[in-house]
């Protein structure tokens, strides 16, 4: 099972930007899907963004136009560029993948993003 390690979370002011990183133990160029999710206390983990191997990118309505998912295959890293951050973007952000066999990766510990108003 692919292991994932997220980083880049921080405390940022309303309107600020952050770039999250997710390093995978496998070859990300082979993965069918790479994605980002977030979770806040008392709520279920929710979808944020995903990118398919074919280059299709999809975003949650709440982040569309502000967040961008990308990857660096040479570094086996997936990124989430977050701009125009809002307090409601606060949460623990996780990445995950669907590998070439259709298997989900192992959830990491996530990275905390806090946006102050």
PDB file of N, CA and C in Angstrom:
ATOM      1  N   UNK A   1       0.853  -1.185   0.000  1.00  0.00           N
ATOM      2  CA  UNK A   1       0.000   0.000   0.000  1.00  0.00           C
ATOM      3  C   UNK A   1       0.897   1.247   0.000  1.00  0.00           C
ATOM      4  N   UNK A   2       0.531   2.221  -0.840  1.00  0.00           N
ATOM      5  CA  UNK A   2       1.326   3.440  -0.953  1.00  0.00           C
ATOM      6  C   UNK A   2       1.223   4.249   0.327  1.00  0.00           C
ATOM      7  N   UNK A   3       2.371   4.723   0.798  1.00  0.00           N
ATOM      8  CA  UNK A   3       2.425   5.583   1.981  1.00  0.00           C
ATOM      9  C   UNK A   3       2.479   7.042   1.536  1.00  0.00           C
ATOM     10  N   UNK A   4       1.821   7.912   2.325  1.00  0.00           N
ATOM     11  CA  UNK A   4       1.708   9.327   1.959  1.00  0.00           C
ATOM     12  C   UNK A   4       2.060  10.198   3.154  1.00  0.00           C
ATOM     13  N   UNK A   5       2.805  11.257   2.914  1.00  0.00           N
ATOM     14  CA  UNK A   5       3.197  12.187   3.975  1.00  0.00           C
ATOM     15  C   UNK A   5       2.891  13.607   3.520  1.00  0.00           C
ATOM     16  N   UNK A   6       1.990  14.258   4.254  1.00  0.00           N
ATOM     17  CA  UNK A   6       1.602  15.618   3.923  1.00  0.00           C
ATOM     18  C   UNK A   6       2.420  16.625   4.736  1.00  0.00           C
ATOM     19  N   UNK A   7       2.578  17.818   4.178  1.00  0.00           N
ATOM     20  CA  UNK A   7       3.257  18.900   4.889  1.00  0.00           C
ATOM     21  C   UNK A   7       2.843  20.233   4.284  1.00  0.00           C
ATOM     22  N   UNK A   8       3.233  21.307   4.960  1.00  0.00           N
ATOM     23  CA  UNK A   8       2.992  22.640   4.421  1.00  0.00           C
ATOM     24  C   UNK A   8       1.891  23.410   5.110  1.00  0.00           C
ATOM     25  N   UNK A   9       1.159  22.758   6.014  1.00  0.00           N
ATOM     26  CA  UNK A   9       0.103  23.464   6.717  1.00  0.00           C
ATOM     27  C   UNK A   9       0.666  24.529   7.652  1.00  0.00           C
ATOM     28  N   UNK A  10      -0.157  25.538   7.919  1.00  0.00           N
ATOM     29  CA  UNK A  10       0.314  26.638   8.760  1.00  0.00           C
ATOM     30  C   UNK A  10      -0.881  27.483   9.180  1.00  0.00           C
ATOM     31  N   UNK A  11      -0.597  28.461  10.027  1.00  0.00           N
ATOM     32  CA  UNK A  11      -1.583  29.481  10.392  1.00  0.00           C
ATOM     33  C   UNK A  11      -1.408  30.648   9.420  1.00  0.00           C
ATOM     34  N   UNK A  12      -2.487  31.043   8.774  1.00  0.00           N
ATOM     35  CA  UNK A  12      -2.407  32.104   7.775  1.00  0.00           C
ATOM     36  C   UNK A  12      -3.621  33.016   7.933  1.00  0.00           C
ATOM     37  N   UNK A  13      -3.467  34.262   7.531  1.00  0.00           N
ATOM     38  CA  UNK A  13      -4.569  35.208   7.638  1.00  0.00           C
ATOM     39  C   UNK A  13      -5.540  35.067   6.470  1.00  0.00           C
ATOM     40  N   UNK A  14      -6.740  35.556   6.692  1.00  0.00           N
ATOM     41  CA  UNK A  14      -7.761  35.597   5.647  1.00  0.00           C
ATOM     42  C   UNK A  14      -7.173  36.234   4.390  1.00  0.00           C
ATOM     43  N   UNK A  15      -7.392  35.581   3.247  1.00  0.00           N
ATOM     44  CA  UNK A  15      -6.882  36.098   1.986  1.00  0.00           C
ATOM     45  C   UNK A  15      -5.482  35.641   1.635  1.00  0.00           C
ATOM     46  N   UNK A  16      -4.830  34.944   2.545  1.00  0.00           N
ATOM     47  CA  UNK A  16      -3.468  34.487   2.310  1.00  0.00           C
ATOM     48  C   UNK A  16      -3.397  33.239   1.444  1.00  0.00           C
ATOM     49  N   UNK A  17      -2.166  32.755   1.278  1.00  0.00           N
ATOM     50  CA  UNK A  17      -1.924  31.580   0.431  1.00  0.00           C
ATOM     51  C   UNK A  17      -1.040  30.568   1.143  1.00  0.00           C
ATOM     52  N   UNK A  18      -1.196  29.324   0.767  1.00  0.00           N
ATOM     53  CA  UNK A  18      -0.340  28.241   1.242  1.00  0.00           C
ATOM     54  C   UNK A  18      -0.186  27.231   0.120  1.00  0.00           C
ATOM     55  N   UNK A  19       0.926  26.509   0.139  1.00  0.00           N
ATOM     56  CA  UNK A  19       1.083  25.376  -0.762  1.00  0.00           C
ATOM     57  C   UNK A  19       1.348  24.125   0.068  1.00  0.00           C
ATOM     58  N   UNK A  20       0.472  23.170  -0.049  1.00  0.00           N
ATOM     59  CA  UNK A  20       0.635  21.896   0.641  1.00  0.00           C
ATOM     60  C   UNK A  20       1.363  20.907  -0.261  1.00  0.00           C
ATOM     61  N   UNK A  21       2.127  20.022   0.360  1.00  0.00           N
ATOM     62  CA  UNK A  21       2.852  18.993  -0.372  1.00  0.00           C
ATOM     63  C   UNK A  21       2.481  17.625   0.164  1.00  0.00           C
ATOM     64  N   UNK A  22       2.544  16.656  -0.709  1.00  0.00           N
ATOM     65  CA  UNK A  22       2.265  15.262  -0.327  1.00  0.00           C
ATOM     66  C   UNK A  22       3.258  14.382  -1.070  1.00  0.00           C
ATOM     67  N   UNK A  23       4.140  13.759  -0.324  1.00  0.00           N
ATOM     68  CA  UNK A  23       5.135  12.856  -0.904  1.00  0.00           C
ATOM     69  C   UNK A  23       4.614  11.428  -0.830  1.00  0.00           C
ATOM     70  N   UNK A  24       4.652  10.744  -1.972  1.00  0.00           N
ATOM     71  CA  UNK A  24       4.158   9.372  -2.050  1.00  0.00           C
ATOM     72  C   UNK A  24       5.318   8.392  -2.145  1.00  0.00           C
ATOM     73  N   UNK A  25       5.092   7.188  -1.624  1.00  0.00           N
ATOM     74  CA  UNK A  25       6.146   6.170  -1.657  1.00  0.00           C
ATOM     75  C   UNK A  25       6.250   5.489  -3.009  1.00  0.00           C
ATOM     76  N   UNK A  26       5.246   5.655  -3.873  1.00  0.00           N
ATOM     77  CA  UNK A  26       5.274   5.031  -5.185  1.00  0.00           C
ATOM     78  C   UNK A  26       5.534   6.041  -6.284  1.00  0.00           C
ATOM     79  N   UNK A  27       5.393   5.590  -7.510  1.00  0.00           N
ATOM     80  CA  UNK A  27       5.614   6.434  -8.685  1.00  0.00           C
ATOM     81  C   UNK A  27       4.294   7.094  -9.072  1.00  0.00           C
ATOM     82  N   UNK A  28       4.174   8.377  -8.767  1.00  0.00           N
ATOM     83  CA  UNK A  28       2.862   9.010  -8.911  1.00  0.00           C
ATOM     84  C   UNK A  28       2.412   9.093 -10.361  1.00  0.00           C
ATOM     85  N   UNK A  29       3.332   9.083 -11.294  1.00  0.00           N
ATOM     86  CA  UNK A  29       2.911   9.155 -12.690  1.00  0.00           C
ATOM     87  C   UNK A  29       2.118   7.918 -13.105  1.00  0.00           C
ATOM     88  N   UNK A  30       2.215   6.853 -12.327  1.00  0.00           N
ATOM     89  CA  UNK A  30       1.463   5.626 -12.611  1.00  0.00           C
ATOM     90  C   UNK A  30       0.087   5.612 -11.943  1.00  0.00           C
ATOM     91  N   UNK A  31      -0.123   6.497 -10.993  1.00  0.00           N
ATOM     92  CA  UNK A  31      -1.370   6.459 -10.235  1.00  0.00           C
ATOM     93  C   UNK A  31      -2.538   6.908 -11.089  1.00  0.00           C
ATOM     94  N   UNK A  32      -3.673   6.259 -10.895  1.00  0.00           N
ATOM     95  CA  UNK A  32      -4.865   6.618 -11.659  1.00  0.00           C
ATOM     96  C   UNK A  32      -5.391   7.985 -11.224  1.00  0.00           C
ATOM     97  N   UNK A  33      -5.404   8.210  -9.917  1.00  0.00           N
ATOM     98  CA  UNK A  33      -5.963   9.442  -9.372  1.00  0.00           C
ATOM     99  C   UNK A  33      -5.110   9.897  -8.193  1.00  0.00           C
ATOM    100  N   UNK A  34      -4.884  11.191  -8.077  1.00  0.00           N
ATOM    101  CA  UNK A  34      -4.304  11.771  -6.870  1.00  0.00           C
ATOM    102  C   UNK A  34      -5.282  12.834  -6.380  1.00  0.00           C
ATOM    103  N   UNK A  35      -5.416  12.953  -5.062  1.00  0.00           N
ATOM    104  CA  UNK A  35      -6.420  13.874  -4.557  1.00  0.00           C
ATOM    105  C   UNK A  35      -6.111  14.439  -3.198  1.00  0.00           C
ATOM    106  N   UNK A  36      -6.832  15.494  -2.860  1.00  0.00           N
ATOM    107  CA  UNK A  36      -6.740  16.141  -1.560  1.00  0.00           C
ATOM    108  C   UNK A  36      -8.119  16.157  -0.903  1.00  0.00           C
ATOM    109  N   UNK A  37      -8.097  16.013   0.429  1.00  0.00           N
ATOM    110  CA  UNK A  37      -9.306  15.994   1.237  1.00  0.00           C
ATOM    111  C   UNK A  37      -9.048  16.835   2.472  1.00  0.00           C
ATOM    112  N   UNK A  38     -10.103  17.207   3.173  1.00  0.00           N
ATOM    113  CA  UNK A  38      -9.908  17.923   4.427  1.00  0.00           C
ATOM    114  C   UNK A  38     -10.974  17.506   5.427  1.00  0.00           C
ATOM    115  N   UNK A  39     -10.641  17.725   6.679  1.00  0.00           N
ATOM    116  CA  UNK A  39     -11.553  17.347   7.758  1.00  0.00           C
ATOM    117  C   UNK A  39     -11.487  18.378   8.871  1.00  0.00           C
ATOM    118  N   UNK A  40     -12.650  18.750   9.387  1.00  0.00           N
ATOM    119  CA  UNK A  40     -12.735  19.631  10.540  1.00  0.00           C
ATOM    120  C   UNK A  40     -13.385  18.856  11.680  1.00  0.00           C
ATOM    121  N   UNK A  41     -13.144  19.280  12.924  1.00  0.00           N
ATOM    122  CA  UNK A  41     -13.693  18.548  14.072  1.00  0.00           C
ATOM    123  C   UNK A  41     -15.201  18.365  13.968  1.00  0.00           C
ATOM    124  N   UNK A  42     -15.641  17.149  14.199  1.00  0.00           N
ATOM    125  CA  UNK A  42     -17.064  16.853  14.193  1.00  0.00           C
ATOM    126  C   UNK A  42     -17.662  16.624  12.827  1.00  0.00           C
ATOM    127  N   UNK A  43     -16.840  16.723  11.792  1.00  0.00           N
ATOM    128  CA  UNK A  43     -17.339  16.529  10.436  1.00  0.00           C
ATOM    129  C   UNK A  43     -16.585  15.405   9.752  1.00  0.00           C
ATOM    130  N   UNK A  44     -17.221  14.863   8.730  1.00  0.00           N
ATOM    131  CA  UNK A  44     -16.557  13.828   7.950  1.00  0.00           C
ATOM    132  C   UNK A  44     -15.528  14.438   7.018  1.00  0.00           C
ATOM    133  N   UNK A  45     -14.574  13.626   6.641  1.00  0.00           N
ATOM    134  CA  UNK A  45     -13.573  14.056   5.677  1.00  0.00           C
ATOM    135  C   UNK A  45     -14.273  14.371   4.353  1.00  0.00           C
ATOM    136  N   UNK A  46     -13.908  15.479   3.728  1.00  0.00           N
ATOM    137  CA  UNK A  46     -14.568  15.884   2.492  1.00  0.00           C
ATOM    138  C   UNK A  46     -13.567  16.053   1.361  1.00  0.00           C
ATOM    139  N   UNK A  47     -14.070  15.852   0.176  1.00  0.00           N
ATOM    140  CA  UNK A  47     -13.272  15.991  -1.031  1.00  0.00           C
ATOM    141  C   UNK A  47     -12.923  17.455  -1.278  1.00  0.00           C
ATOM    142  N   UNK A  48     -11.683  17.706  -1.717  1.00  0.00           N
ATOM    143  CA  UNK A  48     -11.254  19.054  -2.064  1.00  0.00           C
ATOM    144  C   UNK A  48     -10.876  19.147  -3.544  1.00  0.00           C
ATOM    145  N   UNK A  49      -9.990  18.251  -3.987  1.00  0.00           N
ATOM    146  CA  UNK A  49      -9.527  18.315  -5.376  1.00  0.00           C
ATOM    147  C   UNK A  49      -8.954  16.967  -5.780  1.00  0.00           C
ATOM    148  N   UNK A  50      -8.994  16.696  -7.086  1.00  0.00           N
ATOM    149  CA  UNK A  50      -8.358  15.473  -7.590  1.00  0.00           C
ATOM    150  C   UNK A  50      -7.886  15.696  -9.011  1.00  0.00           C
ATOM    151  N   UNK A  51      -6.894  14.911  -9.383  1.00  0.00           N
ATOM    152  CA  UNK A  51      -6.349  14.948 -10.737  1.00  0.00           C
ATOM    153  C   UNK A  51      -6.193  13.512 -11.218  1.00  0.00           C
ATOM    154  N   UNK A  52      -6.635  13.258 -12.421  1.00  0.00           N
ATOM    155  CA  UNK A  52      -6.504  11.912 -12.973  1.00  0.00           C
ATOM    156  C   UNK A  52      -5.208  11.788 -13.764  1.00  0.00           C
ATOM    157  N   UNK A  53      -4.853  10.570 -14.060  1.00  0.00           N
ATOM    158  CA  UNK A  53      -3.647  10.291 -14.839  1.00  0.00           C
ATOM    159  C   UNK A  53      -3.741  10.901 -16.231  1.00  0.00           C
ATOM    160  N   UNK A  54      -4.978  11.074 -16.708  1.00  0.00           N
ATOM    161  CA  UNK A  54      -5.202  11.647 -18.036  1.00  0.00           C
ATOM    162  C   UNK A  54      -5.178  13.172 -18.025  1.00  0.00           C
ATOM    163  N   UNK A  55      -4.983  13.762 -16.848  1.00  0.00           N
ATOM    164  CA  UNK A  55      -4.864  15.215 -16.785  1.00  0.00           C
ATOM    165  C   UNK A  55      -6.143  15.950 -16.444  1.00  0.00           C
ATOM    166  N   UNK A  56      -7.196  15.233 -16.117  1.00  0.00           N
ATOM    167  CA  UNK A  56      -8.449  15.875 -15.733  1.00  0.00           C
ATOM    168  C   UNK A  56      -8.368  16.307 -14.274  1.00  0.00           C
ATOM    169  N   UNK A  57      -8.758  17.528 -14.009  1.00  0.00           N
ATOM    170  CA  UNK A  57      -8.757  18.051 -12.644  1.00  0.00           C
ATOM    171  C   UNK A  57     -10.172  18.438 -12.250  1.00  0.00           C
ATOM    172  N   UNK A  58     -10.506  18.109 -11.011  1.00  0.00           N
ATOM    173  CA  UNK A  58     -11.833  18.441 -10.492  1.00  0.00           C
ATOM    174  C   UNK A  58     -11.681  19.042  -9.107  1.00  0.00           C
ATOM    175  N   UNK A  59     -12.586  19.953  -8.780  1.00  0.00           N
ATOM    176  CA  UNK A  59     -12.513  20.653  -7.502  1.00  0.00           C
ATOM    177  C   UNK A  59     -13.884  20.709  -6.849  1.00  0.00           C
ATOM    178  N   UNK A  60     -13.858  20.756  -5.531  1.00  0.00           N
ATOM    179  CA  UNK A  60     -15.098  21.025  -4.806  1.00  0.00           C
ATOM    180  C   UNK A  60     -15.547  22.438  -5.148  1.00  0.00           C
ATOM    181  N   UNK A  61     -16.843  22.646  -5.160  1.00  0.00           N
ATOM    182  CA  UNK A  61     -17.379  23.958  -5.524  1.00  0.00           C
ATOM    183  C   UNK A  61     -16.844  25.051  -4.610  1.00  0.00           C
ATOM    184  N   UNK A  62     -16.612  24.715  -3.353  1.00  0.00           N
ATOM    185  CA  UNK A  62     -16.188  25.716  -2.372  1.00  0.00           C
ATOM    186  C   UNK A  62     -14.764  26.216  -2.597  1.00  0.00           C
ATOM    187  N   UNK A  63     -13.968  25.467  -3.372  1.00  0.00           N
ATOM    188  CA  UNK A  63     -12.566  25.870  -3.571  1.00  0.00           C
ATOM    189  C   UNK A  63     -12.248  26.168  -5.029  1.00  0.00           C
ATOM    190  N   UNK A  64     -13.175  25.909  -5.919  1.00  0.00           N
ATOM    191  CA  UNK A  64     -12.924  26.098  -7.347  1.00  0.00           C
ATOM    192  C   UNK A  64     -12.551  27.545  -7.634  1.00  0.00           C
ATOM    193  N   UNK A  65     -11.491  27.724  -8.395  1.00  0.00           N
ATOM    194  CA  UNK A  65     -11.017  29.061  -8.721  1.00  0.00           C
ATOM    195  C   UNK A  65     -10.002  29.595  -7.729  1.00  0.00           C
ATOM    196  N   UNK A  66      -9.870  28.941  -6.583  1.00  0.00           N
ATOM    197  CA  UNK A  66      -8.910  29.386  -5.564  1.00  0.00           C
ATOM    198  C   UNK A  66      -7.798  28.370  -5.342  1.00  0.00           C
ATOM    199  N   UNK A  67      -8.113  27.081  -5.482  1.00  0.00           N
ATOM    200  CA  UNK A  67      -7.142  26.009  -5.242  1.00  0.00           C
ATOM    201  C   UNK A  67      -6.731  25.369  -6.556  1.00  0.00           C
ATOM    202  N   UNK A  68      -5.479  24.904  -6.605  1.00  0.00           N
ATOM    203  CA  UNK A  68      -4.982  24.209  -7.784  1.00  0.00           C
ATOM    204  C   UNK A  68      -4.191  22.982  -7.361  1.00  0.00           C
ATOM    205  N   UNK A  69      -4.540  21.841  -7.924  1.00  0.00           N
ATOM    206  CA  UNK A  69      -3.799  20.605  -7.667  1.00  0.00           C
ATOM    207  C   UNK A  69      -2.797  20.400  -8.794  1.00  0.00           C
ATOM    208  N   UNK A  70      -1.603  19.962  -8.416  1.00  0.00           N
ATOM    209  CA  UNK A  70      -0.574  19.703  -9.415  1.00  0.00           C
ATOM    210  C   UNK A  70       0.361  18.627  -8.871  1.00  0.00           C
ATOM    211  N   UNK A  71       1.279  18.192  -9.692  1.00  0.00           N
ATOM    212  CA  UNK A  71       2.215  17.177  -9.220  1.00  0.00           C
ATOM    213  C   UNK A  71       3.567  17.347  -9.897  1.00  0.00           C
ATOM    214  N   UNK A  72       4.589  16.855  -9.224  1.00  0.00           N
ATOM    215  CA  UNK A  72       5.939  16.803  -9.760  1.00  0.00           C
ATOM    216  C   UNK A  72       6.341  15.333  -9.755  1.00  0.00           C
ATOM    217  N   UNK A  73       6.279  14.708 -10.907  1.00  0.00           N
ATOM    218  CA  UNK A  73       6.556  13.270 -10.982  1.00  0.00           C
ATOM    219  C   UNK A  73       7.988  12.949 -10.580  1.00  0.00           C
ATOM    220  N   UNK A  74       8.911  13.838 -10.882  1.00  0.00           N
ATOM    221  CA  UNK A  74      10.316  13.588 -10.548  1.00  0.00           C
ATOM    222  C   UNK A  74      10.523  13.519  -9.040  1.00  0.00           C
ATOM    223  N   UNK A  75       9.668  14.211  -8.301  1.00  0.00           N
ATOM    224  CA  UNK A  75       9.777  14.218  -6.839  1.00  0.00           C
ATOM    225  C   UNK A  75       8.723  13.336  -6.175  1.00  0.00           C
ATOM    226  N   UNK A  76       7.900  12.665  -6.983  1.00  0.00           N
ATOM    227  CA  UNK A  76       6.795  11.859  -6.429  1.00  0.00           C
ATOM    228  C   UNK A  76       5.967  12.667  -5.444  1.00  0.00           C
ATOM    229  N   UNK A  77       5.679  13.894  -5.798  1.00  0.00           N
ATOM    230  CA  UNK A  77       4.998  14.814  -4.898  1.00  0.00           C
ATOM    231  C   UNK A  77       3.773  15.415  -5.571  1.00  0.00           C
ATOM    232  N   UNK A  78       2.702  15.502  -4.798  1.00  0.00           N
ATOM    233  CA  UNK A  78       1.470  16.160  -5.233  1.00  0.00           C
ATOM    234  C   UNK A  78       1.326  17.441  -4.415  1.00  0.00           C
ATOM    235  N   UNK A  79       0.906  18.502  -5.076  1.00  0.00           N
ATOM    236  CA  UNK A  79       0.774  19.792  -4.408  1.00  0.00           C
ATOM    237  C   UNK A  79      -0.681  20.257  -4.414  1.00  0.00           C
ATOM    238  N   UNK A  80      -0.972  21.114  -3.442  1.00  0.00           N
ATOM    239  CA  UNK A  80      -2.242  21.834  -3.450  1.00  0.00           C
ATOM    240  C   UNK A  80      -1.921  23.296  -3.181  1.00  0.00           C
ATOM    241  N   UNK A  81      -2.020  24.108  -4.211  1.00  0.00           N
ATOM    242  CA  UNK A  81      -1.828  25.552  -4.055  1.00  0.00           C
ATOM    243  C   UNK A  81      -3.154  26.150  -3.638  1.00  0.00           C
ATOM    244  N   UNK A  82      -3.147  26.846  -2.518  1.00  0.00           N
ATOM    245  CA  UNK A  82      -4.379  27.416  -1.973  1.00  0.00           C
ATOM    246  C   UNK A  82      -4.231  28.925  -1.899  1.00  0.00           C
ATOM    247  N   UNK A  83      -5.069  29.630  -2.611  1.00  0.00           N
ATOM    248  CA  UNK A  83      -5.060  31.090  -2.624  1.00  0.00           C
ATOM    249  C   UNK A  83      -6.374  31.632  -2.080  1.00  0.00           C
ATOM    250  N   UNK A  84      -6.364  32.896  -1.717  1.00  0.00           N
ATOM    251  CA  UNK A  84      -7.574  33.568  -1.214  1.00  0.00           C
ATOM    252  C   UNK A  84      -8.234  32.753  -0.115  1.00  0.00           C
ATOM    253  N   UNK A  85      -7.434  32.345   0.846  1.00  0.00           N
ATOM    254  CA  UNK A  85      -7.929  31.460   1.892  1.00  0.00           C
ATOM    255  C   UNK A  85      -8.966  32.149   2.772  1.00  0.00           C
ATOM    256  N   UNK A  86      -9.919  31.329   3.219  1.00  0.00           N
ATOM    257  CA  UNK A  86     -11.009  31.795   4.061  1.00  0.00           C
ATOM    258  C   UNK A  86     -11.010  31.004   5.365  1.00  0.00           C
ATOM    259  N   UNK A  87     -11.603  31.536   6.422  1.00  0.00           N
ATOM    260  CA  UNK A  87     -11.668  30.780   7.684  1.00  0.00           C
ATOM    261  C   UNK A  87     -12.315  29.406   7.513  1.00  0.00           C
ATOM    262  N   UNK A  88     -13.265  29.284   6.623  1.00  0.00           N
ATOM    263  CA  UNK A  88     -13.914  27.988   6.413  1.00  0.00           C
ATOM    264  C   UNK A  88     -13.019  26.969   5.714  1.00  0.00           C
ATOM    265  N   UNK A  89     -11.845  27.384   5.275  1.00  0.00           N
ATOM    266  CA  UNK A  89     -10.869  26.430   4.726  1.00  0.00           C
ATOM    267  C   UNK A  89     -10.056  25.760   5.831  1.00  0.00           C
ATOM    268  N   UNK A  90     -10.243  26.206   7.042  1.00  0.00           N
ATOM    269  CA  UNK A  90      -9.517  25.625   8.171  1.00  0.00           C
ATOM    270  C   UNK A  90      -9.836  24.145   8.318  1.00  0.00           C
ATOM    271  N   UNK A  91      -8.797  23.359   8.573  1.00  0.00           N
ATOM    272  CA  UNK A  91      -8.988  21.933   8.770  1.00  0.00           C
ATOM    273  C   UNK A  91      -7.690  21.177   8.622  1.00  0.00           C
ATOM    274  N   UNK A  92      -7.763  19.873   8.792  1.00  0.00           N
ATOM    275  CA  UNK A  92      -6.618  19.008   8.535  1.00  0.00           C
ATOM    276  C   UNK A  92      -6.745  18.501   7.099  1.00  0.00           C
ATOM    277  N   UNK A  93      -5.698  18.706   6.340  1.00  0.00           N
ATOM    278  CA  UNK A  93      -5.707  18.334   4.926  1.00  0.00           C
ATOM    279  C   UNK A  93      -4.927  17.033   4.726  1.00  0.00           C
ATOM    280  N   UNK A  94      -5.533  16.146   3.965  1.00  0.00           N
ATOM    281  CA  UNK A  94      -4.955  14.844   3.653  1.00  0.00           C
ATOM    282  C   UNK A  94      -4.881  14.656   2.138  1.00  0.00           C
ATOM    283  N   UNK A  95      -3.900  13.907   1.708  1.00  0.00           N
ATOM    284  CA  UNK A  95      -3.891  13.501   0.308  1.00  0.00           C
ATOM    285  C   UNK A  95      -4.097  11.991   0.250  1.00  0.00           C
ATOM    286  N   UNK A  96      -4.518  11.522  -0.894  1.00  0.00           N
ATOM    287  CA  UNK A  96      -4.580  10.098  -1.144  1.00  0.00           C
ATOM    288  C   UNK A  96      -4.556   9.841  -2.634  1.00  0.00           C
ATOM    289  N   UNK A  97      -4.373   8.610  -2.974  1.00  0.00           N
ATOM    290  CA  UNK A  97      -4.232   8.224  -4.374  1.00  0.00           C
ATOM    291  C   UNK A  97      -4.988   6.931  -4.641  1.00  0.00           C
ATOM    292  N   UNK A  98      -5.248   6.698  -5.905  1.00  0.00           N
ATOM    293  CA  UNK A  98      -5.687   5.392  -6.378  1.00  0.00           C
ATOM    294  C   UNK A  98      -4.583   4.926  -7.298  1.00  0.00           C
ATOM    295  N   UNK A  99      -3.950   3.815  -6.929  1.00  0.00           N
ATOM    296  CA  UNK A  99      -2.775   3.412  -7.699  1.00  0.00           C
ATOM    297  C   UNK A  99      -3.165   2.683  -8.984  1.00  0.00           C
ATOM    298  N   UNK A 100      -2.158   2.170  -9.676  1.00  0.00           N
ATOM    299  CA  UNK A 100      -2.401   1.559 -10.988  1.00  0.00           C
ATOM    300  C   UNK A 100      -3.204   0.271 -10.890  1.00  0.00           C
ATOM    301  N   UNK A 101      -3.298  -0.280  -9.676  1.00  0.00           N
ATOM    302  CA  UNK A 101      -4.086  -1.504  -9.479  1.00  0.00           C
ATOM    303  C   UNK A 101      -5.495  -1.182  -8.980  1.00  0.00           C
ATOM    304  N   UNK A 102      -5.777   0.114  -8.786  1.00  0.00           N
ATOM    305  CA  UNK A 102      -7.095   0.504  -8.291  1.00  0.00           C
ATOM    306  C   UNK A 102      -7.182   0.550  -6.772  1.00  0.00           C
ATOM    307  N   UNK A 103      -6.060   0.456  -6.097  1.00  0.00           N
ATOM    308  CA  UNK A 103      -6.057   0.440  -4.640  1.00  0.00           C
ATOM    309  C   UNK A 103      -5.841   1.830  -4.062  1.00  0.00           C
ATOM    310  N   UNK A 104      -6.549   2.103  -2.967  1.00  0.00           N
ATOM    311  CA  UNK A 104      -6.393   3.362  -2.262  1.00  0.00           C
ATOM    312  C   UNK A 104      -5.107   3.337  -1.454  1.00  0.00           C
ATOM    313  N   UNK A 105      -4.450   4.479  -1.346  1.00  0.00           N
ATOM    314  CA  UNK A 105      -3.246   4.578  -0.536  1.00  0.00           C
ATOM    315  C   UNK A 105      -3.570   4.579   0.947  1.00  0.00           C
ATOM    316  N   UNK A 106      -2.524   4.538   1.748  1.00  0.00           N
ATOM    317  CA  UNK A 106      -2.684   4.557   3.200  1.00  0.00           C
ATOM    318  C   UNK A 106      -2.796   6.009   3.664  1.00  0.00           C
ATOM    319  N   UNK A 107      -3.821   6.323   4.420  1.00  0.00           N
ATOM    320  CA  UNK A 107      -4.010   7.699   4.877  1.00  0.00           C
ATOM    321  C   UNK A 107      -2.853   8.112   5.787  1.00  0.00           C
ATOM    322  N   UNK A 108      -2.321   9.320   5.540  1.00  0.00           N
ATOM    323  CA  UNK A 108      -1.283   9.848   6.395  1.00  0.00           C
ATOM    324  C   UNK A 108      -1.885  10.576   7.591  1.00  0.00           C
ATOM    325  N   UNK A 109      -1.061  11.330   8.282  1.00  0.00           N
ATOM    326  CA  UNK A 109      -1.532  12.057   9.463  1.00  0.00           C
ATOM    327  C   UNK A 109      -2.078  13.436   9.115  1.00  0.00           C
ATOM    328  N   UNK A 110      -1.921  13.852   7.870  1.00  0.00           N
ATOM    329  CA  UNK A 110      -2.467  15.135   7.448  1.00  0.00           C
ATOM    330  C   UNK A 110      -1.604  16.312   7.869  1.00  0.00           C
ATOM    331  N   UNK A 111      -2.014  17.484   7.420  1.00  0.00           N
ATOM    332  CA  UNK A 111      -1.320  18.716   7.788  1.00  0.00           C
ATOM    333  C   UNK A 111      -2.370  19.775   8.122  1.00  0.00           C
ATOM    334  N   UNK A 112      -2.171  20.479   9.231  1.00  0.00           N
ATOM    335  CA  UNK A 112      -3.177  21.417   9.743  1.00  0.00           C
ATOM    336  C   UNK A 112      -3.074  22.766   9.035  1.00  0.00           C
ATOM    337  N   UNK A 113      -4.212  23.224   8.539  1.00  0.00           N
ATOM    338  CA  UNK A 113      -4.326  24.562   7.963  1.00  0.00           C
ATOM    339  C   UNK A 113      -5.311  25.350   8.816  1.00  0.00           C
ATOM    340  N   UNK A 114      -4.870  26.506   9.281  1.00  0.00           N
ATOM    341  CA  UNK A 114      -5.739  27.364  10.078  1.00  0.00           C
ATOM    342  C   UNK A 114      -5.754  28.744   9.446  1.00  0.00           C
ATOM    343  N   UNK A 115      -6.944  29.223   9.133  1.00  0.00           N
ATOM    344  CA  UNK A 115      -7.095  30.546   8.520  1.00  0.00           C
ATOM    345  C   UNK A 115      -7.809  31.446   9.512  1.00  0.00           C
ATOM    346  N   UNK A 116      -7.131  32.521   9.908  1.00  0.00           N
ATOM    347  CA  UNK A 116      -7.717  33.449  10.874  1.00  0.00           C
ATOM    348  C   UNK A 116      -8.470  34.559  10.144  1.00  0.00           C
ATOM    349  N   UNK A 117      -9.514  35.028  10.785  1.00  0.00           N
ATOM    350  CA  UNK A 117     -10.340  36.077  10.153  1.00  0.00           C
ATOM    351  C   UNK A 117      -9.830  37.459  10.501  1.00  0.00           C
TER     352      UNK A 117
END
